Amino acid sequence: MSVERLTRYPGGGGVRNPRPAEIAFQAMSRWASTIKRPTSSRGRITCAPTLYVVIMKFYNMNDATLKPSSATKIDRDVLAVHELARDESGRLYSVRMRELFQKLEVDMSVVEAMAALRIAGRALHHIQERWAEKYGLSEGRLGVLFRLYRQGACPLGDLAGDLDSTPRNITGLVDHLERDGLVERVPDPDDRRSVRANLTEAGRTRIEAIWKEGIEHQHEIAAGLNREDLAQLRHLCLQLVENARKELGK
């Protein structure tokens, strides 16, 4: 997979600014290529074969292609593959990941941490999908409803930026919500060539009934983390994004 490909819309249609997950992936690819002398294959991870398999296994999965109905199965797969244990300091680690790293004669703590971040991201995504399914929604459609509920009618391009998505994906989400009678397209008073997405009365009723429960659900996922833990978690995740941006700017 080339790094350039990650910054293009699926199926073509121009380029966009890379999303935070893509920034982290690109920086990870550059770091990995320094472990062993790079080959002439530009844009690929050029490192020891075992390390290449480890990295690509956890970064090549395209979550956007997964249907919401597969969420439960993926939840079980994630839990089954990533058996967790605690080290001598009481910190959690993935047993499988550590086994894969044992034979590599290099400090793999950074790759193990990045892989843990990816595992957590996938698990959280599928848990949110499963919760949204109870209300006939997906995580993406729920995000659109909540943004429109909080800020009113909004151009589709702004929704894409707010939800860290692509215009094509947002168009698909709005199409689905429009068919369900939860969202409607209305003219943009500031631009005749554009339209805005707006909640219908049915859409407003739906989101008002569930958004507080959604926040409570996230508190359940974060059980065991106090406010200081959450602030540190937020800081560390965004520190990785900041470091990745610096790396890409070199």
Protein backbone atom coordinates (compact mmCIF):
# COMPACT_ATOMS: atom_id res chain seq x y z
CA MET A 1 0.00 0.00 0.00
CA SER A 2 1.49 3.35 -0.92
CA VAL A 3 1.38 6.30 1.47
CA GLU A 4 0.18 8.57 -1.35
CA ARG A 5 -2.90 6.41 -1.85
CA LEU A 6 -4.07 7.15 1.68
CA THR A 7 -4.59 10.84 0.88
CA ARG A 8 -6.92 10.27 -2.08
CA TYR A 9 -10.64 9.70 -2.11
CA PRO A 10 -11.67 6.08 -2.67
CA GLY A 11 -12.07 5.56 -6.40
CA GLY A 12 -10.37 8.84 -7.28
CA GLY A 13 -11.97 12.25 -7.20
CA GLY A 14 -9.08 14.40 -6.01
CA VAL A 15 -6.95 14.67 -2.91
CA ARG A 16 -7.64 15.86 0.62
CA ASN A 17 -5.65 16.64 3.74
CA PRO A 18 -4.72 13.40 5.53
CA ARG A 19 -6.75 12.50 8.62
CA PRO A 20 -5.04 12.02 12.02
CA ALA A 21 -5.05 8.22 11.69
CA GLU A 22 -3.40 8.53 8.26
CA ILE A 23 -0.82 11.00 9.62
CA ALA A 24 0.10 8.50 12.33
CA PHE A 25 0.29 5.66 9.79
CA GLN A 26 2.57 7.64 7.47
CA ALA A 27 4.89 8.61 10.29
CA MET A 28 4.92 4.96 11.44
CA SER A 29 5.86 3.86 7.93
CA ARG A 30 8.77 6.30 7.81
CA TRP A 31 10.03 5.17 11.21
CA ALA A 32 9.81 1.51 10.27
CA SER A 33 11.80 2.09 7.08
CA THR A 34 14.80 3.20 9.17
CA ILE A 35 15.13 -0.16 10.91
CA LYS A 36 16.72 -1.73 7.87
CA ARG A 37 18.30 -0.08 4.82
CA PRO A 38 15.44 1.08 2.56
CA THR A 39 14.91 -0.50 -0.80
CA SER A 40 13.90 1.30 -4.00
CA SER A 41 10.20 0.63 -3.29
CA ARG A 42 9.17 4.17 -2.43
CA GLY A 43 6.29 4.65 0.01
CA ARG A 44 6.39 1.09 1.41
CA ILE A 45 7.55 -0.16 4.77
CA THR A 46 11.00 -1.55 3.99
CA CYS A 47 12.16 -3.46 7.03
CA ALA A 48 12.75 -6.98 8.24
CA PRO A 49 10.07 -9.36 6.88
CA THR A 50 8.75 -10.31 10.32
CA LEU A 51 8.34 -6.67 11.33
CA TYR A 52 6.66 -5.88 8.01
CA VAL A 53 4.06 -8.61 8.63
CA VAL A 54 3.41 -7.33 12.17
CA ILE A 55 2.90 -3.71 11.11
CA MET A 56 0.80 -4.42 8.03
CA LYS A 57 -1.42 -6.87 9.92
CA PHE A 58 -2.56 -4.11 12.27
CA TYR A 59 -2.57 -1.15 9.87
CA ASN A 60 -3.93 -2.58 6.62
CA MET A 61 -7.47 -3.27 7.85
CA ASN A 62 -9.97 -0.93 6.19
CA ASP A 63 -12.63 -0.40 8.86
CA ALA A 64 -14.65 1.81 6.50
CA THR A 65 -15.56 -1.27 4.44
CA LEU A 66 -17.03 -3.18 7.37
CA LYS A 67 -20.81 -3.33 7.56
CA PRO A 68 -22.43 -2.49 10.92
CA SER A 69 -23.97 -5.97 11.01
CA SER A 70 -20.48 -7.44 11.31
CA ALA A 71 -19.70 -5.46 14.47
CA THR A 72 -20.51 -8.26 16.92
CA LYS A 73 -18.35 -10.76 15.06
CA ILE A 74 -15.44 -8.30 14.88
CA ASP A 75 -15.80 -7.55 18.61
CA ARG A 76 -15.36 -11.25 19.32
CA ASP A 77 -12.45 -11.51 16.88
CA VAL A 78 -10.64 -8.59 18.50
CA LEU A 79 -11.10 -10.06 21.97
CA ALA A 80 -10.09 -13.54 20.84
CA VAL A 81 -6.92 -12.52 19.00
CA HIS A 82 -5.70 -9.97 21.51
CA GLU A 83 -5.45 -11.88 24.75
CA LEU A 84 -4.30 -9.44 27.41
CA ALA A 85 -1.94 -9.99 30.32
CA ARG A 86 -0.05 -7.80 32.80
CA ASP A 87 3.71 -7.37 33.02
CA GLU A 88 5.75 -7.22 36.22
CA SER A 89 4.74 -3.55 36.65
CA GLY A 90 1.06 -4.38 36.36
CA ARG A 91 0.70 -2.81 32.90
CA LEU A 92 -1.44 -4.51 30.27
CA TYR A 93 0.02 -5.86 27.05
CA SER A 94 -1.12 -7.98 24.09
CA VAL A 95 0.19 -11.52 24.51
CA ARG A 96 0.16 -12.16 20.76
CA MET A 97 2.00 -8.95 19.93
CA ARG A 98 4.69 -9.65 22.48
CA GLU A 99 5.17 -13.17 21.12
CA LEU A 100 5.67 -11.76 17.63
CA PHE A 101 8.30 -9.32 18.88
CA GLN A 102 10.38 -11.76 20.94
CA LYS A 103 12.71 -12.85 18.13
CA LEU A 104 13.45 -9.35 16.88
CA GLU A 105 16.77 -7.95 18.06
CA VAL A 106 15.53 -4.37 18.39
CA ASP A 107 13.59 -2.34 20.94
CA MET A 108 9.97 -2.81 19.88
CA SER A 109 8.33 -0.78 22.65
CA VAL A 110 7.23 1.97 20.26
CA VAL A 111 5.70 -0.48 17.76
CA GLU A 112 3.99 -2.38 20.57
CA ALA A 113 2.52 0.88 21.90
CA MET A 114 1.34 1.95 18.43
CA ALA A 115 -0.23 -1.45 17.87
CA ALA A 116 -2.02 -1.20 21.23
CA LEU A 117 -3.40 2.17 20.16
CA ARG A 118 -4.65 0.64 16.93
CA ILE A 119 -6.23 -2.32 18.76
CA ALA A 120 -8.00 0.05 21.16
CA GLY A 121 -9.24 2.20 18.29
CA ARG A 122 -10.71 -0.75 16.44
CA ALA A 123 -12.35 -2.14 19.56
CA LEU A 124 -13.90 1.22 20.47
CA HIS A 125 -15.18 1.71 16.92
CA HIS A 126 -16.95 -1.64 16.87
CA ILE A 127 -18.40 -1.17 20.36
CA GLN A 128 -19.86 2.16 19.22
CA GLU A 129 -21.22 0.53 16.06
CA ARG A 130 -22.90 -2.18 18.10
CA TRP A 131 -24.50 0.39 20.41
CA ALA A 132 -25.74 2.52 17.48
CA GLU A 133 -27.24 -0.55 15.83
CA LYS A 134 -29.73 -0.82 18.69
CA TYR A 135 -31.34 2.34 17.35
CA GLY A 136 -31.14 1.45 13.67
CA LEU A 137 -28.09 3.65 13.15
CA SER A 138 -24.36 3.36 12.57
CA GLU A 139 -21.59 5.23 14.33
CA GLY A 140 -21.23 7.50 11.30
CA ARG A 141 -24.94 8.28 10.96
CA LEU A 142 -25.18 8.90 14.71
CA GLY A 143 -22.30 11.37 14.40
CA VAL A 144 -24.11 13.26 11.64
CA LEU A 145 -27.33 13.46 13.67
CA PHE A 146 -25.51 14.76 16.73
CA ARG A 147 -23.59 17.44 14.76
CA LEU A 148 -26.80 18.68 13.13
CA TYR A 149 -28.56 18.62 16.50
CA ARG A 150 -25.85 20.79 18.06
CA GLN A 151 -25.15 23.24 15.22
CA GLY A 152 -28.22 23.24 13.00
CA ALA A 153 -28.26 23.01 9.20
CA CYS A 154 -24.74 22.49 7.92
CA PRO A 155 -23.01 22.24 4.50
CA LEU A 156 -21.93 18.67 3.75
CA GLY A 157 -18.32 19.76 3.38
CA ASP A 158 -18.30 21.16 6.91
CA LEU A 159 -19.75 17.91 8.20
CA ALA A 160 -16.90 16.02 6.54
CA GLY A 161 -14.36 18.19 8.35
CA ASP A 162 -16.12 17.97 11.72
CA LEU A 163 -16.43 14.18 11.52
CA ASP A 164 -12.91 13.58 10.14
CA SER A 165 -14.42 11.93 7.05
CA THR A 166 -14.52 12.41 3.29
CA PRO A 167 -17.21 14.26 1.31
CA ARG A 168 -18.07 10.97 -0.42
CA ASN A 169 -18.66 9.18 2.88
CA ILE A 170 -20.71 12.07 4.24
CA THR A 171 -22.86 12.09 1.12
CA GLY A 172 -23.58 8.39 1.65
CA LEU A 173 -24.46 8.91 5.31
CA VAL A 174 -26.79 11.81 4.51
CA ASP A 175 -28.41 9.82 1.69
CA HIS A 176 -29.18 7.01 4.13
CA LEU A 177 -30.53 9.35 6.80
CA GLU A 178 -32.63 11.13 4.20
CA ARG A 179 -34.19 7.82 3.09
CA ASP A 180 -35.00 7.12 6.73
CA GLY A 181 -36.71 10.50 7.05
CA LEU A 182 -34.24 11.75 9.69
CA VAL A 183 -32.39 14.35 7.59
CA GLU A 184 -33.34 16.57 4.68
CA ARG A 185 -31.33 18.61 2.21
CA VAL A 186 -32.14 22.33 2.17
CA PRO A 187 -30.77 25.17 0.01
CA ASP A 188 -27.69 26.96 1.31
CA PRO A 189 -28.58 30.66 1.65
CA ASP A 190 -24.90 31.60 1.33
CA ASP A 191 -24.16 29.55 -1.80
CA ARG A 192 -26.70 28.70 -4.49
CA ARG A 193 -24.51 25.85 -5.73
CA SER A 194 -24.49 24.16 -2.35
CA VAL A 195 -27.00 22.45 -0.07
CA ARG A 196 -27.10 21.92 3.65
CA ALA A 197 -28.13 18.91 5.69
CA ASN A 198 -30.81 19.60 8.26
CA LEU A 199 -32.60 17.51 10.87
CA THR A 200 -36.24 16.68 10.27
CA GLU A 201 -38.63 16.57 13.22
CA ALA A 202 -38.25 12.78 13.24
CA GLY A 203 -34.47 13.14 13.28
CA ARG A 204 -34.58 15.63 16.14
CA THR A 205 -36.85 13.35 18.13
CA ARG A 206 -34.51 10.38 17.52
CA ILE A 207 -31.31 12.13 18.61
CA GLU A 208 -32.93 13.84 21.61
CA ALA A 209 -34.01 10.42 22.86
CA ILE A 210 -30.57 8.81 22.76
CA TRP A 211 -27.68 11.30 22.86
CA LYS A 212 -27.42 11.40 26.67
CA GLU A 213 -27.40 7.62 26.78
CA GLY A 214 -24.57 7.72 24.25
CA ILE A 215 -22.47 9.88 26.57
CA GLU A 216 -23.20 7.52 29.47
CA HIS A 217 -22.13 4.63 27.26
CA GLN A 218 -18.74 6.26 26.71
CA HIS A 219 -18.36 6.70 30.47
CA GLU A 220 -18.92 2.96 30.82
CA ILE A 221 -16.18 2.25 28.29
CA ALA A 222 -13.80 4.51 30.24
CA ALA A 223 -14.56 2.77 33.55
CA GLY A 224 -11.53 2.75 35.85
CA LEU A 225 -10.05 5.94 34.40
CA ASN A 226 -10.25 9.08 36.53
CA ARG A 227 -10.24 12.64 35.19
CA GLU A 228 -6.44 12.85 35.39
CA ASP A 229 -6.11 9.54 33.50
CA LEU A 230 -8.45 10.79 30.77
CA ALA A 231 -6.58 14.09 30.47
CA GLN A 232 -3.29 12.20 30.14
CA LEU A 233 -4.78 9.82 27.59
CA ARG A 234 -6.04 12.74 25.52
CA HIS A 235 -2.66 14.46 25.75
CA LEU A 236 -0.66 11.39 24.74
CA CYS A 237 -2.86 10.64 21.73
CA LEU A 238 -2.64 14.21 20.48
CA GLN A 239 1.10 14.29 21.21
CA LEU A 240 1.47 11.43 18.71
CA VAL A 241 -0.51 13.43 16.14
CA GLU A 242 1.67 16.49 16.75
CA ASN A 243 4.87 14.42 16.42
CA ALA A 244 3.57 12.84 13.23
CA ARG A 245 2.82 16.24 11.71
CA LYS A 246 6.37 17.38 12.48
CA GLU A 247 7.74 14.20 10.88
CA LEU A 248 5.67 14.70 7.73
CA GLY A 249 6.81 18.31 7.54
CA LYS A 250 10.51 17.38 7.27
